[in-house]
């Protein structure tokens, strides 16, 4: 017996409910039906298959109540509800959805096991949830998009799969502009109706390359850097505070954060107000 499920929150919850009825079944996950059929042909060509999560339109809240009938209460201020917990864990680069289903099944309806389980597996997946949440919040703190006439654009390289979350976050705070976030091979577009597209879209980078604003729009930022350097008094800098506010581990999120970290480590080069005036006149 094989339970083939989609690697989404709905698919994980449905697979957990099926596993309760058939605890001896093997678990196989896939992102879409085509990938699932390919896996089955390679490993389980003759087995009986139960498919869940691919075409289901189910209320996840109701599924969560069936998986955890005793309900949920916050243990610490940093904990997320079970549905958010599952979604965040699935975004982790090391997450195994089949292992996550068995983890939920092992809780036996007690949701507290997800947050304070003593076994190594429970602690590891709780750490996954915290890492993804921290990754997302740090992106929101340190990423600085390039601003065009109708588009905000940023290219990020997060450790986990949170580029679409960043895209939605930027879109809510900038409703008058379309937001394009490039993360790896894919690009995410939100507020797409401004560009006569869907509101939210996942597509290839090549298909939206012509919409990405030019880096020339970053010139005001360079002008500001020159002015800042001319006014900065080095002996008033708090180096220890700068290192805490701009950690080395977070310096790779954007070009600006890399530059900020460089200033923390190497200091800000000496500049004068005359340099600022000359650069401003040269750009006119």
C-alpha atoms as a PDB file:
ATOM      1  CA  UNK A   1       0.000   0.000   0.000  1.00  0.00           C
ATOM      2  CA  UNK A   2       1.350   3.415  -1.063  1.00  0.00           C
ATOM      3  CA  UNK A   3       0.043   6.831   0.016  1.00  0.00           C
ATOM      4  CA  UNK A   4       1.005   9.366  -2.646  1.00  0.00           C
ATOM      5  CA  UNK A   5       0.454  12.922  -1.458  1.00  0.00           C
ATOM      6  CA  UNK A   6       1.183  16.448  -2.613  1.00  0.00           C
ATOM      7  CA  UNK A   7       3.874  18.276  -0.634  1.00  0.00           C
ATOM      8  CA  UNK A   8       1.533  20.996   0.613  1.00  0.00           C
ATOM      9  CA  UNK A   9      -0.191  21.681   3.929  1.00  0.00           C
ATOM     10  CA  UNK A  10      -3.399  20.054   2.674  1.00  0.00           C
ATOM     11  CA  UNK A  11      -1.543  17.040   1.280  1.00  0.00           C
ATOM     12  CA  UNK A  12       0.411  16.503   4.496  1.00  0.00           C
ATOM     13  CA  UNK A  13      -2.716  16.633   6.668  1.00  0.00           C
ATOM     14  CA  UNK A  14      -4.662  14.261   4.395  1.00  0.00           C
ATOM     15  CA  UNK A  15      -1.713  11.855   4.259  1.00  0.00           C
ATOM     16  CA  UNK A  16      -1.551  11.881   8.069  1.00  0.00           C
ATOM     17  CA  UNK A  17      -5.251  10.958   8.303  1.00  0.00           C
ATOM     18  CA  UNK A  18      -4.791   8.154   5.753  1.00  0.00           C
ATOM     19  CA  UNK A  19      -1.739   6.878   7.647  1.00  0.00           C
ATOM     20  CA  UNK A  20      -3.847   6.524  10.793  1.00  0.00           C
ATOM     21  CA  UNK A  21      -6.092   4.081   8.973  1.00  0.00           C
ATOM     22  CA  UNK A  22      -3.212   2.273   7.221  1.00  0.00           C
ATOM     23  CA  UNK A  23      -0.126   2.543   9.488  1.00  0.00           C
ATOM     24  CA  UNK A  24       1.749  -0.055   7.421  1.00  0.00           C
ATOM     25  CA  UNK A  25       1.584   2.048   4.220  1.00  0.00           C
ATOM     26  CA  UNK A  26       4.623   3.645   2.610  1.00  0.00           C
ATOM     27  CA  UNK A  27       4.655   7.386   1.922  1.00  0.00           C
ATOM     28  CA  UNK A  28       5.606   9.029  -1.368  1.00  0.00           C
ATOM     29  CA  UNK A  29       5.381  12.790  -1.922  1.00  0.00           C
ATOM     30  CA  UNK A  30       5.418  14.902  -5.084  1.00  0.00           C
ATOM     31  CA  UNK A  31       4.908  18.500  -6.151  1.00  0.00           C
ATOM     32  CA  UNK A  32       2.508  17.593  -8.987  1.00  0.00           C
ATOM     33  CA  UNK A  33       0.791  14.460 -10.394  1.00  0.00           C
ATOM     34  CA  UNK A  34       3.364  14.027 -13.174  1.00  0.00           C
ATOM     35  CA  UNK A  35       6.244  13.867 -10.709  1.00  0.00           C
ATOM     36  CA  UNK A  36       4.242  11.477  -8.545  1.00  0.00           C
ATOM     37  CA  UNK A  37       3.567   9.054 -11.387  1.00  0.00           C
ATOM     38  CA  UNK A  38       7.244   9.108 -12.349  1.00  0.00           C
ATOM     39  CA  UNK A  39       8.275   8.154  -8.804  1.00  0.00           C
ATOM     40  CA  UNK A  40       5.706   5.369  -8.665  1.00  0.00           C
ATOM     41  CA  UNK A  41       6.821   3.839 -11.954  1.00  0.00           C
ATOM     42  CA  UNK A  42      10.429   3.777 -10.790  1.00  0.00           C
ATOM     43  CA  UNK A  43       9.894   2.336  -7.301  1.00  0.00           C
ATOM     44  CA  UNK A  44       6.361   0.888  -6.894  1.00  0.00           C
ATOM     45  CA  UNK A  45       5.100  -0.183 -10.342  1.00  0.00           C
ATOM     46  CA  UNK A  46       2.556  -2.749  -9.070  1.00  0.00           C
ATOM     47  CA  UNK A  47       1.553  -1.453  -5.631  1.00  0.00           C
ATOM     48  CA  UNK A  48      -1.918  -0.263  -4.637  1.00  0.00           C
ATOM     49  CA  UNK A  49      -1.953   3.544  -4.623  1.00  0.00           C
ATOM     50  CA  UNK A  50      -3.969   6.072  -2.610  1.00  0.00           C
ATOM     51  CA  UNK A  51      -3.603   9.619  -3.950  1.00  0.00           C
ATOM     52  CA  UNK A  52      -4.410  12.593  -1.718  1.00  0.00           C
ATOM     53  CA  UNK A  53      -3.922  16.354  -1.877  1.00  0.00           C
ATOM     54  CA  UNK A  54      -3.704  16.854  -5.644  1.00  0.00           C
ATOM     55  CA  UNK A  55      -7.301  17.801  -6.432  1.00  0.00           C
ATOM     56  CA  UNK A  56      -8.685  18.318  -2.938  1.00  0.00           C
ATOM     57  CA  UNK A  57     -10.479  21.528  -1.996  1.00  0.00           C
ATOM     58  CA  UNK A  58     -10.697  21.043   1.732  1.00  0.00           C
ATOM     59  CA  UNK A  59     -10.772  23.484   4.639  1.00  0.00           C
ATOM     60  CA  UNK A  60      -7.351  23.143   6.255  1.00  0.00           C
ATOM     61  CA  UNK A  61      -8.732  24.325   9.581  1.00  0.00           C
ATOM     62  CA  UNK A  62     -11.126  21.387   9.657  1.00  0.00           C
ATOM     63  CA  UNK A  63      -8.336  18.988   8.707  1.00  0.00           C
ATOM     64  CA  UNK A  64      -6.164  20.370  11.511  1.00  0.00           C
ATOM     65  CA  UNK A  65      -8.988  19.767  14.003  1.00  0.00           C
ATOM     66  CA  UNK A  66      -9.222  16.155  12.853  1.00  0.00           C
ATOM     67  CA  UNK A  67      -5.452  15.655  13.135  1.00  0.00           C
ATOM     68  CA  UNK A  68      -5.260  17.465  16.500  1.00  0.00           C
ATOM     69  CA  UNK A  69      -8.710  17.099  18.098  1.00  0.00           C
ATOM     70  CA  UNK A  70      -7.574  18.499  21.461  1.00  0.00           C
ATOM     71  CA  UNK A  71      -6.863  21.924  19.934  1.00  0.00           C
ATOM     72  CA  UNK A  72      -3.820  24.163  20.237  1.00  0.00           C
ATOM     73  CA  UNK A  73      -2.562  26.629  22.820  1.00  0.00           C
ATOM     74  CA  UNK A  74       0.488  28.844  22.516  1.00  0.00           C
ATOM     75  CA  UNK A  75       3.415  27.553  24.565  1.00  0.00           C
ATOM     76  CA  UNK A  76       5.811  30.442  23.874  1.00  0.00           C
ATOM     77  CA  UNK A  77       5.356  33.807  22.172  1.00  0.00           C
ATOM     78  CA  UNK A  78       7.422  32.601  19.213  1.00  0.00           C
ATOM     79  CA  UNK A  79       5.312  29.545  18.372  1.00  0.00           C
ATOM     80  CA  UNK A  80       3.130  29.453  15.275  1.00  0.00           C
ATOM     81  CA  UNK A  81      -0.256  27.661  15.021  1.00  0.00           C
ATOM     82  CA  UNK A  82      -0.085  24.099  13.636  1.00  0.00           C
ATOM     83  CA  UNK A  83      -1.046  25.108  10.067  1.00  0.00           C
ATOM     84  CA  UNK A  84       1.643  27.791   9.996  1.00  0.00           C
ATOM     85  CA  UNK A  85       4.090  25.357  11.587  1.00  0.00           C
ATOM     86  CA  UNK A  86       3.552  22.842   8.776  1.00  0.00           C
ATOM     87  CA  UNK A  87       3.767  25.503   6.050  1.00  0.00           C
ATOM     88  CA  UNK A  88       7.017  26.922   7.450  1.00  0.00           C
ATOM     89  CA  UNK A  89       8.599  23.496   7.872  1.00  0.00           C
ATOM     90  CA  UNK A  90       7.727  22.542   4.279  1.00  0.00           C
ATOM     91  CA  UNK A  91       9.667  25.603   3.120  1.00  0.00           C
ATOM     92  CA  UNK A  92      12.887  24.422   4.774  1.00  0.00           C
ATOM     93  CA  UNK A  93      15.559  23.225   2.358  1.00  0.00           C
ATOM     94  CA  UNK A  94      16.124  20.008   4.351  1.00  0.00           C
ATOM     95  CA  UNK A  95      12.503  19.106   5.009  1.00  0.00           C
ATOM     96  CA  UNK A  96      11.333  15.622   4.031  1.00  0.00           C
ATOM     97  CA  UNK A  97       7.506  15.791   3.700  1.00  0.00           C
ATOM     98  CA  UNK A  98       7.121  12.034   4.246  1.00  0.00           C
ATOM     99  CA  UNK A  99       9.111  12.317   7.468  1.00  0.00           C
ATOM    100  CA  UNK A 100       6.920  15.258   8.506  1.00  0.00           C
ATOM    101  CA  UNK A 101       3.756  13.168   7.976  1.00  0.00           C
ATOM    102  CA  UNK A 102       5.146  10.428  10.220  1.00  0.00           C
ATOM    103  CA  UNK A 103       6.055  13.091  12.775  1.00  0.00           C
ATOM    104  CA  UNK A 104       2.455  14.355  12.846  1.00  0.00           C
ATOM    105  CA  UNK A 105       1.179  10.784  13.014  1.00  0.00           C
ATOM    106  CA  UNK A 106       3.495  10.087  15.950  1.00  0.00           C
ATOM    107  CA  UNK A 107       1.991  12.949  17.941  1.00  0.00           C
ATOM    108  CA  UNK A 108      -1.208  10.860  18.260  1.00  0.00           C
ATOM    109  CA  UNK A 109      -3.417  13.932  18.298  1.00  0.00           C
ATOM    110  CA  UNK A 110      -1.348  15.817  20.884  1.00  0.00           C
ATOM    111  CA  UNK A 111      -0.208  19.042  19.224  1.00  0.00           C
ATOM    112  CA  UNK A 112       2.208  19.892  22.060  1.00  0.00           C
ATOM    113  CA  UNK A 113       4.607  17.289  20.698  1.00  0.00           C
ATOM    114  CA  UNK A 114       5.397  19.576  17.767  1.00  0.00           C
ATOM    115  CA  UNK A 115       6.669  22.307  20.070  1.00  0.00           C
ATOM    116  CA  UNK A 116       8.136  20.551  23.093  1.00  0.00           C
ATOM    117  CA  UNK A 117       8.738  16.957  21.975  1.00  0.00           C
ATOM    118  CA  UNK A 118      11.771  15.404  23.646  1.00  0.00           C
ATOM    119  CA  UNK A 119      12.847  13.167  20.773  1.00  0.00           C
ATOM    120  CA  UNK A 120      15.533  14.335  18.356  1.00  0.00           C
ATOM    121  CA  UNK A 121      13.186  14.353  15.348  1.00  0.00           C
ATOM    122  CA  UNK A 122      10.686  16.677  17.059  1.00  0.00           C
ATOM    123  CA  UNK A 123      13.473  19.067  18.078  1.00  0.00           C
ATOM    124  CA  UNK A 124      14.922  19.061  14.575  1.00  0.00           C
ATOM    125  CA  UNK A 125      11.629  19.978  12.880  1.00  0.00           C
ATOM    126  CA  UNK A 126      10.894  22.628  15.484  1.00  0.00           C
ATOM    127  CA  UNK A 127      14.305  24.097  14.635  1.00  0.00           C
ATOM    128  CA  UNK A 128      13.380  23.987  10.944  1.00  0.00           C
ATOM    129  CA  UNK A 129      10.280  26.056  11.684  1.00  0.00           C
ATOM    130  CA  UNK A 130      12.287  28.646  13.645  1.00  0.00           C
ATOM    131  CA  UNK A 131      14.983  28.872  10.955  1.00  0.00           C
ATOM    132  CA  UNK A 132      12.472  29.531   8.173  1.00  0.00           C
ATOM    133  CA  UNK A 133      10.689  32.159  10.240  1.00  0.00           C
ATOM    134  CA  UNK A 134      13.965  33.901  11.074  1.00  0.00           C
ATOM    135  CA  UNK A 135      15.060  33.687   7.431  1.00  0.00           C
ATOM    136  CA  UNK A 136      11.868  35.425   6.319  1.00  0.00           C
ATOM    137  CA  UNK A 137      12.024  38.164   8.946  1.00  0.00           C
ATOM    138  CA  UNK A 138      15.663  38.913   8.170  1.00  0.00           C
ATOM    139  CA  UNK A 139      14.839  39.207   4.486  1.00  0.00           C
ATOM    140  CA  UNK A 140      12.174  41.759   5.339  1.00  0.00           C
ATOM    141  CA  UNK A 141      14.708  43.678   7.454  1.00  0.00           C
ATOM    142  CA  UNK A 142      17.718  43.774   5.145  1.00  0.00           C
ATOM    143  CA  UNK A 143      16.497  43.530   1.540  1.00  0.00           C
ATOM    144  CA  UNK A 144      16.331  46.842  -0.355  1.00  0.00           C
ATOM    145  CA  UNK A 145      14.480  46.657  -3.701  1.00  0.00           C
ATOM    146  CA  UNK A 146      15.380  48.658  -6.810  1.00  0.00           C
ATOM    147  CA  UNK A 147      12.557  51.090  -7.506  1.00  0.00           C
ATOM    148  CA  UNK A 148      11.282  51.706 -11.039  1.00  0.00           C
ATOM    149  CA  UNK A 149       8.323  53.723 -12.306  1.00  0.00           C
ATOM    150  CA  UNK A 150       5.774  50.976 -11.736  1.00  0.00           C
ATOM    151  CA  UNK A 151       7.922  48.083 -10.455  1.00  0.00           C
ATOM    152  CA  UNK A 152       9.855  47.169  -7.331  1.00  0.00           C
ATOM    153  CA  UNK A 153      12.527  44.571  -8.073  1.00  0.00           C
ATOM    154  CA  UNK A 154      14.859  42.571  -5.881  1.00  0.00           C
ATOM    155  CA  UNK A 155      17.050  39.520  -6.449  1.00  0.00           C
ATOM    156  CA  UNK A 156      17.488  37.385  -3.327  1.00  0.00           C
ATOM    157  CA  UNK A 157      19.301  34.176  -2.440  1.00  0.00           C
ATOM    158  CA  UNK A 158      17.593  32.940   0.738  1.00  0.00           C
ATOM    159  CA  UNK A 159      18.642  29.717   2.415  1.00  0.00           C
ATOM    160  CA  UNK A 160      15.059  28.432   2.392  1.00  0.00           C
ATOM    161  CA  UNK A 161      12.036  28.764   0.099  1.00  0.00           C
ATOM    162  CA  UNK A 162      10.644  32.105   1.276  1.00  0.00           C
ATOM    163  CA  UNK A 163      10.968  34.289  -1.844  1.00  0.00           C
ATOM    164  CA  UNK A 164       7.217  34.243  -2.489  1.00  0.00           C
ATOM    165  CA  UNK A 165       6.536  35.289   1.120  1.00  0.00           C
ATOM    166  CA  UNK A 166       8.832  38.284   0.672  1.00  0.00           C
ATOM    167  CA  UNK A 167       7.064  39.160  -2.593  1.00  0.00           C
ATOM    168  CA  UNK A 168       3.643  39.199  -0.909  1.00  0.00           C
ATOM    169  CA  UNK A 169       5.012  41.213   2.026  1.00  0.00           C
ATOM    170  CA  UNK A 170       6.461  43.888  -0.269  1.00  0.00           C
ATOM    171  CA  UNK A 171       3.248  43.992  -2.324  1.00  0.00           C
ATOM    172  CA  UNK A 172       1.080  44.721   0.727  1.00  0.00           C
ATOM    173  CA  UNK A 173       3.325  47.651   1.671  1.00  0.00           C
ATOM    174  CA  UNK A 174       3.580  48.972  -1.881  1.00  0.00           C
ATOM    175  CA  UNK A 175       0.085  48.606  -3.390  1.00  0.00           C
ATOM    176  CA  UNK A 176       0.829  51.192  -6.092  1.00  0.00           C
ATOM    177  CA  UNK A 177       3.655  49.150  -7.662  1.00  0.00           C
ATOM    178  CA  UNK A 178       4.100  45.684  -9.066  1.00  0.00           C
ATOM    179  CA  UNK A 179       6.651  43.657  -7.096  1.00  0.00           C
ATOM    180  CA  UNK A 180       9.109  41.270  -8.740  1.00  0.00           C
ATOM    181  CA  UNK A 181      11.224  39.000  -6.552  1.00  0.00           C
ATOM    182  CA  UNK A 182      13.745  36.743  -8.261  1.00  0.00           C
ATOM    183  CA  UNK A 183      14.864  33.762  -6.233  1.00  0.00           C
ATOM    184  CA  UNK A 184      17.001  31.228  -8.080  1.00  0.00           C
ATOM    185  CA  UNK A 185      15.416  29.918 -11.297  1.00  0.00           C
ATOM    186  CA  UNK A 186      11.997  31.428 -10.648  1.00  0.00           C
ATOM    187  CA  UNK A 187      10.514  34.894 -10.346  1.00  0.00           C
ATOM    188  CA  UNK A 188       7.478  35.884  -8.293  1.00  0.00           C
ATOM    189  CA  UNK A 189       5.218  38.753  -9.340  1.00  0.00           C
ATOM    190  CA  UNK A 190       2.636  40.347  -7.040  1.00  0.00           C
ATOM    191  CA  UNK A 191       0.261  43.243  -7.737  1.00  0.00           C
ATOM    192  CA  UNK A 192       0.508  41.922 -11.287  1.00  0.00           C
ATOM    193  CA  UNK A 193      -2.698  43.669 -12.392  1.00  0.00           C
ATOM    194  CA  UNK A 194      -0.605  46.848 -12.681  1.00  0.00           C
ATOM    195  CA  UNK A 195       1.319  45.055 -15.459  1.00  0.00           C
ATOM    196  CA  UNK A 196      -1.893  43.495 -16.870  1.00  0.00           C
ATOM    197  CA  UNK A 197      -0.995  40.103 -15.412  1.00  0.00           C
ATOM    198  CA  UNK A 198      -2.400  37.902 -12.649  1.00  0.00           C
ATOM    199  CA  UNK A 199      -2.327  39.347  -9.142  1.00  0.00           C
ATOM    200  CA  UNK A 200       0.230  36.746  -8.052  1.00  0.00           C
ATOM    201  CA  UNK A 201       2.319  34.750 -10.489  1.00  0.00           C
ATOM    202  CA  UNK A 202       5.232  32.332 -10.362  1.00  0.00           C
ATOM    203  CA  UNK A 203       7.137  32.265 -13.638  1.00  0.00           C
ATOM    204  CA  UNK A 204      10.574  31.920 -15.198  1.00  0.00           C
ATOM    205  CA  UNK A 205      13.106  34.723 -14.905  1.00  0.00           C
ATOM    206  CA  UNK A 206      13.421  35.060 -18.691  1.00  0.00           C
ATOM    207  CA  UNK A 207       9.713  35.797 -19.128  1.00  0.00           C
ATOM    208  CA  UNK A 208       9.834  38.930 -16.928  1.00  0.00           C
ATOM    209  CA  UNK A 209      13.369  40.090 -17.752  1.00  0.00           C
ATOM    210  CA  UNK A 210      12.040  43.010 -19.820  1.00  0.00           C
ATOM    211  CA  UNK A 211      10.070  44.294 -16.795  1.00  0.00           C
ATOM    212  CA  UNK A 212      13.046  44.532 -14.440  1.00  0.00           C
ATOM    213  CA  UNK A 213      14.054  48.181 -13.856  1.00  0.00           C
ATOM    214  CA  UNK A 214      17.547  49.331 -14.765  1.00  0.00           C
ATOM    215  CA  UNK A 215      20.232  49.545 -12.113  1.00  0.00           C
ATOM    216  CA  UNK A 216      20.600  53.232 -13.074  1.00  0.00           C
ATOM    217  CA  UNK A 217      17.670  53.866 -10.758  1.00  0.00           C
ATOM    218  CA  UNK A 218      20.059  53.160  -7.863  1.00  0.00           C
ATOM    219  CA  UNK A 219      22.098  56.337  -8.595  1.00  0.00           C
ATOM    220  CA  UNK A 220      20.307  58.402  -5.895  1.00  0.00           C
ATOM    221  CA  UNK A 221      21.431  55.757  -3.403  1.00  0.00           C
ATOM    222  CA  UNK A 222      25.056  56.236  -4.465  1.00  0.00           C
ATOM    223  CA  UNK A 223      24.605  59.998  -4.178  1.00  0.00           C
ATOM    224  CA  UNK A 224      23.291  59.555  -0.660  1.00  0.00           C
ATOM    225  CA  UNK A 225      26.300  57.387   0.240  1.00  0.00           C
ATOM    226  CA  UNK A 226      28.664  60.118  -0.864  1.00  0.00           C
ATOM    227  CA  UNK A 227      26.778  62.719   1.175  1.00  0.00           C
ATOM    228  CA  UNK A 228      26.689  60.417   4.225  1.00  0.00           C
ATOM    229  CA  UNK A 229      30.420  59.813   4.061  1.00  0.00           C
ATOM    230  CA  UNK A 230      31.075  63.543   3.883  1.00  0.00           C
ATOM    231  CA  UNK A 231      29.088  64.193   7.082  1.00  0.00           C
ATOM    232  CA  UNK A 232      30.148  61.134   9.071  1.00  0.00           C
ATOM    233  CA  UNK A 233      32.393  61.601  12.132  1.00  0.00           C
ATOM    234  CA  UNK A 234      34.374  58.393  12.567  1.00  0.00           C
ATOM    235  CA  UNK A 235      35.109  58.666  16.289  1.00  0.00           C
ATOM    236  CA  UNK A 236      31.366  58.797  17.011  1.00  0.00           C
ATOM    237  CA  UNK A 237      30.707  55.430  15.393  1.00  0.00           C
ATOM    238  CA  UNK A 238      29.645  52.601  17.694  1.00  0.00           C
ATOM    239  CA  UNK A 239      31.354  49.633  16.044  1.00  0.00           C
ATOM    240  CA  UNK A 240      30.036  46.997  18.449  1.00  0.00           C
ATOM    241  CA  UNK A 241      26.447  48.178  17.934  1.00  0.00           C
ATOM    242  CA  UNK A 242      26.946  48.227  14.144  1.00  0.00           C
ATOM    243  CA  UNK A 243      28.076  44.603  14.187  1.00  0.00           C
ATOM    244  CA  UNK A 244      24.993  43.567  16.158  1.00  0.00           C
ATOM    245  CA  UNK A 245      22.601  45.461  13.884  1.00  0.00           C
ATOM    246  CA  UNK A 246      24.270  44.210  10.689  1.00  0.00           C
ATOM    247  CA  UNK A 247      25.424  40.616  11.395  1.00  0.00           C
ATOM    248  CA  UNK A 248      27.866  38.996   9.012  1.00  0.00           C
ATOM    249  CA  UNK A 249      25.545  36.041   8.452  1.00  0.00           C
ATOM    250  CA  UNK A 250      22.846  38.363   7.062  1.00  0.00           C
ATOM    251  CA  UNK A 251      25.079  40.370   4.763  1.00  0.00           C
ATOM    252  CA  UNK A 252      24.291  38.343   1.640  1.00  0.00           C
ATOM    253  CA  UNK A 253      20.599  39.218   1.343  1.00  0.00           C
ATOM    254  CA  UNK A 254      21.070  42.231  -0.925  1.00  0.00           C
ATOM    255  CA  UNK A 255      23.687  44.530  -2.448  1.00  0.00           C
ATOM    256  CA  UNK A 256      22.971  47.191   0.141  1.00  0.00           C
ATOM    257  CA  UNK A 257      23.376  44.804   3.076  1.00  0.00           C
ATOM    258  CA  UNK A 258      26.710  43.617   1.656  1.00  0.00           C
ATOM    259  CA  UNK A 259      27.847  47.219   1.409  1.00  0.00           C
ATOM    260  CA  UNK A 260      26.682  47.978   4.961  1.00  0.00           C
ATOM    261  CA  UNK A 261      28.611  45.018   6.309  1.00  0.00           C
ATOM    262  CA  UNK A 262      31.697  46.124   4.378  1.00  0.00           C
ATOM    263  CA  UNK A 263      31.477  49.511   6.085  1.00  0.00           C
ATOM    264  CA  UNK A 264      31.181  47.781   9.469  1.00  0.00           C
ATOM    265  CA  UNK A 265      34.312  45.690   8.882  1.00  0.00           C
ATOM    266  CA  UNK A 266      36.473  48.165   6.945  1.00  0.00           C
ATOM    267  CA  UNK A 267      35.144  51.517   8.064  1.00  0.00           C
ATOM    268  CA  UNK A 268      33.722  54.315   5.936  1.00  0.00           C
ATOM    269  CA  UNK A 269      36.238  55.974   3.583  1.00  0.00           C
ATOM    270  CA  UNK A 270      37.015  59.631   4.105  1.00  0.00           C
ATOM    271  CA  UNK A 271      34.990  61.971   1.937  1.00  0.00           C
ATOM    272  CA  UNK A 272      34.249  65.679   1.926  1.00  0.00           C
ATOM    273  CA  UNK A 273      31.257  67.790   1.148  1.00  0.00           C
ATOM    274  CA  UNK A 274      33.099  69.024  -1.963  1.00  0.00           C
ATOM    275  CA  UNK A 275      33.144  65.425  -3.269  1.00  0.00           C
ATOM    276  CA  UNK A 276      29.372  65.295  -2.822  1.00  0.00           C
ATOM    277  CA  UNK A 277      28.876  68.582  -4.694  1.00  0.00           C
ATOM    278  CA  UNK A 278      31.172  67.504  -7.522  1.00  0.00           C
ATOM    279  CA  UNK A 279      29.386  64.164  -7.918  1.00  0.00           C
ATOM    280  CA  UNK A 280      26.012  65.871  -7.923  1.00  0.00           C
ATOM    281  CA  UNK A 281      27.110  68.354 -10.577  1.00  0.00           C
ATOM    282  CA  UNK A 282      28.629  65.554 -12.654  1.00  0.00           C
ATOM    283  CA  UNK A 283      25.307  63.672 -12.693  1.00  0.00           C
ATOM    284  CA  UNK A 284      23.372  66.688 -13.986  1.00  0.00           C
END
